[in-house]
Amino acid sequence: MDISAGIQASLSGRYASALFELASEAGTVTSVESDLAKLSDALSESDDLAAATTNPQLSRDAQGQAIGAVAKHLGLADLTSNFLGVLASNRRLSALPEIIAAFKTIAAAQRGEVTAKVTSAHPLSDAQLSSLKDKLTAREGRTVMLSADVDPDLLGGLVVTIGSQRIDASIRTRLNSLSQAMKA
């Protein structure tokens, strides 16, 4: 499998790549991805859990026990639980959000998907999102998964980010460009 050099170069990317390889060998990529989504939700919902993973005053054992209890409570698979234990013993639980994001990116790339972040001034309807997804899929030549955000400061239009590419068709940017042109 071809994993981008940018992902492999980061610490979180190396851990995510290792987990992906293990999950691929075991045929449990979907299960691990689901486990990581549960864990990500738990981290965002619980300030105590987030603090436990980032607190340098907690010992490796304490962090390992805490994350082990969370894994058991969430019903995570053995591979995911063991991986979390390795992170705890290596003092890398603080990188968990980045590892989860890198794993999602690797798994999506393996499935031939790409994620696009769409920011608009107003919420987009399901029909608009579907139409945009179809157009981006045709443009990219692979399945596009959309995540939509709203930023009223855009005034109107869209900003679409796919990987390192950014398509900025917002009114704010057009007004700024016009303002700069008038100053020159």
Protein backbone atom coordinates (compact mmCIF):
# COMPACT_ATOMS: atom_id res chain seq x y z
CA MET A 1 0.00 0.00 0.00
CA ASP A 2 1.23 3.49 -0.81
CA ILE A 3 1.04 5.82 2.16
CA SER A 4 1.97 9.42 1.51
CA ALA A 5 5.37 10.56 2.74
CA GLY A 6 3.75 13.41 4.68
CA ILE A 7 1.80 10.97 6.83
CA GLN A 8 4.78 8.67 7.33
CA ALA A 9 7.01 11.57 8.30
CA SER A 10 4.93 12.51 11.34
CA LEU A 11 4.97 10.65 14.62
CA SER A 12 1.21 10.21 14.56
CA GLY A 13 1.41 9.02 10.96
CA ARG A 14 3.94 6.32 11.83
CA TYR A 15 1.74 5.01 14.64
CA ALA A 16 -1.36 5.18 12.42
CA SER A 17 0.49 3.36 9.60
CA ALA A 18 1.59 0.62 11.98
CA LEU A 19 -1.96 0.20 13.29
CA PHE A 20 -3.32 0.15 9.74
CA GLU A 21 -0.84 -2.54 8.69
CA LEU A 22 -1.80 -4.70 11.69
CA ALA A 23 -5.51 -4.17 11.03
CA SER A 24 -5.03 -5.01 7.34
CA GLU A 25 -3.23 -8.24 8.17
CA ALA A 26 -6.03 -9.18 10.58
CA GLY A 27 -8.76 -8.03 8.17
CA THR A 28 -10.20 -5.67 10.78
CA VAL A 29 -9.64 -2.22 9.28
CA THR A 30 -13.35 -1.36 9.42
CA SER A 31 -13.60 -2.54 13.03
CA VAL A 32 -10.54 -0.55 14.10
CA GLU A 33 -11.82 2.52 12.26
CA SER A 34 -15.13 2.19 14.12
CA ASP A 35 -13.27 1.78 17.43
CA LEU A 36 -11.23 4.90 16.76
CA ALA A 37 -14.39 6.86 15.93
CA LYS A 38 -15.89 5.81 19.29
CA LEU A 39 -12.68 6.81 21.03
CA SER A 40 -12.58 10.15 19.23
CA ASP A 41 -16.16 10.86 20.31
CA ALA A 42 -15.30 9.92 23.89
CA LEU A 43 -12.27 12.23 23.87
CA SER A 44 -14.32 15.16 22.60
CA GLU A 45 -17.18 14.53 25.05
CA SER A 46 -15.13 13.94 28.19
CA ASP A 47 -12.76 16.62 29.43
CA ASP A 48 -11.53 14.18 32.10
CA LEU A 49 -10.56 11.58 29.49
CA ALA A 50 -8.82 14.20 27.35
CA ALA A 51 -6.95 15.43 30.42
CA ALA A 52 -5.93 11.88 31.37
CA THR A 53 -4.38 11.32 27.95
CA THR A 54 -2.43 14.58 27.99
CA ASN A 55 -1.43 14.94 31.66
CA PRO A 56 2.35 14.45 31.96
CA GLN A 57 2.03 14.05 35.73
CA LEU A 58 0.21 10.73 35.35
CA SER A 59 2.50 7.72 35.24
CA ARG A 60 2.60 5.36 32.28
CA ASP A 61 0.84 2.74 34.37
CA ALA A 62 -1.91 5.14 35.45
CA GLN A 63 -2.50 6.25 31.88
CA GLY A 64 -2.45 2.64 30.71
CA GLN A 65 -4.99 1.60 33.34
CA ALA A 66 -7.22 4.58 32.55
CA ILE A 67 -7.20 4.02 28.79
CA GLY A 68 -7.62 0.27 29.32
CA ALA A 69 -10.75 0.91 31.40
CA VAL A 70 -12.08 3.27 28.71
CA ALA A 71 -11.38 0.68 25.99
CA LYS A 72 -13.24 -1.97 28.00
CA HIS A 73 -16.15 0.40 28.67
CA LEU A 74 -16.42 1.30 24.97
CA GLY A 75 -16.15 -2.36 23.93
CA LEU A 76 -13.10 -1.82 21.74
CA ALA A 77 -11.53 -4.76 19.90
CA ASP A 78 -8.38 -6.39 21.26
CA LEU A 79 -6.17 -4.91 18.54
CA THR A 80 -7.35 -1.39 19.32
CA SER A 81 -7.05 -1.93 23.09
CA ASN A 82 -3.54 -3.33 22.73
CA PHE A 83 -2.57 -0.42 20.50
CA LEU A 84 -3.79 2.02 23.14
CA GLY A 85 -1.68 0.16 25.70
CA VAL A 86 1.38 0.61 23.50
CA LEU A 87 0.62 4.32 23.19
CA ALA A 88 0.31 4.59 26.97
CA SER A 89 3.56 2.73 27.62
CA ASN A 90 5.37 4.94 25.08
CA ARG A 91 3.82 8.14 26.54
CA ARG A 92 2.09 8.88 23.22
CA LEU A 93 -1.57 9.09 24.29
CA SER A 94 -1.39 12.86 23.87
CA ALA A 95 -1.02 12.29 20.12
CA LEU A 96 -4.20 10.19 19.96
CA PRO A 97 -6.36 12.74 18.06
CA GLU A 98 -3.67 13.13 15.39
CA ILE A 99 -3.20 9.35 15.17
CA ILE A 100 -6.94 8.85 14.72
CA ALA A 101 -7.03 11.50 11.96
CA ALA A 102 -4.03 9.92 10.21
CA PHE A 103 -5.62 6.46 10.42
CA LYS A 104 -8.83 7.80 8.85
CA THR A 105 -6.80 9.36 6.05
CA ILE A 106 -4.90 6.14 5.38
CA ALA A 107 -8.06 4.00 5.43
CA ALA A 108 -9.90 6.43 3.14
CA ALA A 109 -6.98 6.47 0.69
CA GLN A 110 -6.94 2.66 0.67
CA ARG A 111 -10.65 2.68 -0.25
CA GLY A 112 -9.99 5.25 -2.99
CA GLU A 113 -11.73 8.04 -1.10
CA VAL A 114 -10.67 11.60 -0.50
CA THR A 115 -12.11 13.97 2.09
CA ALA A 116 -13.20 17.45 1.15
CA LYS A 117 -14.02 20.15 3.67
CA VAL A 118 -16.70 22.54 2.44
CA THR A 119 -17.20 25.84 4.23
CA SER A 120 -20.16 28.01 3.31
CA ALA A 121 -21.75 31.18 4.67
CA HIS A 122 -25.06 29.38 5.22
CA PRO A 123 -25.90 25.71 5.82
CA LEU A 124 -26.14 23.75 2.56
CA SER A 125 -29.17 21.59 1.84
CA ASP A 126 -28.82 17.85 1.28
CA ALA A 127 -29.48 18.37 -2.43
CA GLN A 128 -26.71 21.00 -2.65
CA LEU A 129 -24.27 18.77 -0.78
CA SER A 130 -25.13 15.81 -3.00
CA SER A 131 -24.67 17.88 -6.16
CA LEU A 132 -21.35 19.25 -4.88
CA LYS A 133 -20.19 15.75 -3.95
CA ASP A 134 -21.01 14.47 -7.44
CA LYS A 135 -19.13 17.33 -9.10
CA LEU A 136 -16.08 16.93 -6.86
CA THR A 137 -16.08 13.15 -7.40
CA ALA A 138 -16.10 13.70 -11.17
CA ARG A 139 -13.32 16.29 -10.86
CA GLU A 140 -11.11 14.16 -8.58
CA GLY A 141 -11.76 10.81 -10.25
CA ARG A 142 -12.37 9.13 -6.89
CA THR A 143 -15.05 9.10 -4.24
CA VAL A 144 -15.24 12.33 -2.26
CA MET A 145 -16.47 12.35 1.32
CA LEU A 146 -17.74 15.78 2.34
CA SER A 147 -17.60 17.46 5.72
CA ALA A 148 -19.54 20.71 5.83
CA ASP A 149 -18.90 23.76 8.03
CA VAL A 150 -20.59 27.12 8.24
CA ASP A 151 -18.66 30.40 8.50
CA PRO A 152 -20.89 33.48 8.28
CA ASP A 153 -17.79 35.66 7.70
CA LEU A 154 -17.60 34.30 4.14
CA LEU A 155 -20.70 36.40 3.28
CA GLY A 156 -21.55 33.97 0.46
CA GLY A 157 -20.03 31.36 -1.82
CA LEU A 158 -17.92 28.36 -0.84
CA VAL A 159 -14.43 27.39 0.20
CA VAL A 160 -13.59 23.77 -0.67
CA THR A 161 -10.42 22.14 0.66
CA ILE A 162 -9.33 18.80 -0.78
CA GLY A 163 -6.03 17.65 0.65
CA SER A 164 -3.64 20.56 0.05
CA GLN A 165 -5.81 22.11 -2.69
CA ARG A 166 -8.12 24.97 -1.84
CA ILE A 167 -10.87 26.31 -4.07
CA ASP A 168 -11.96 29.67 -2.68
CA ALA A 169 -15.10 31.02 -4.31
CA SER A 170 -16.23 33.11 -1.35
CA ILE A 171 -17.51 36.64 -1.60
CA ARG A 172 -15.15 37.68 1.21
CA THR A 173 -12.12 36.68 -0.89
CA ARG A 174 -13.50 38.41 -3.98
CA LEU A 175 -14.09 41.62 -2.00
CA ASN A 176 -10.56 41.44 -0.53
CA SER A 177 -9.10 40.95 -4.02
CA LEU A 178 -11.10 43.89 -5.34
CA SER A 179 -9.95 46.03 -2.42
CA GLN A 180 -6.30 45.13 -3.08
CA ALA A 181 -6.72 45.87 -6.81
CA MET A 182 -8.20 49.29 -6.05
CA LYS A 183 -5.27 50.17 -3.77
CA ALA A 184 -2.72 49.42 -6.47
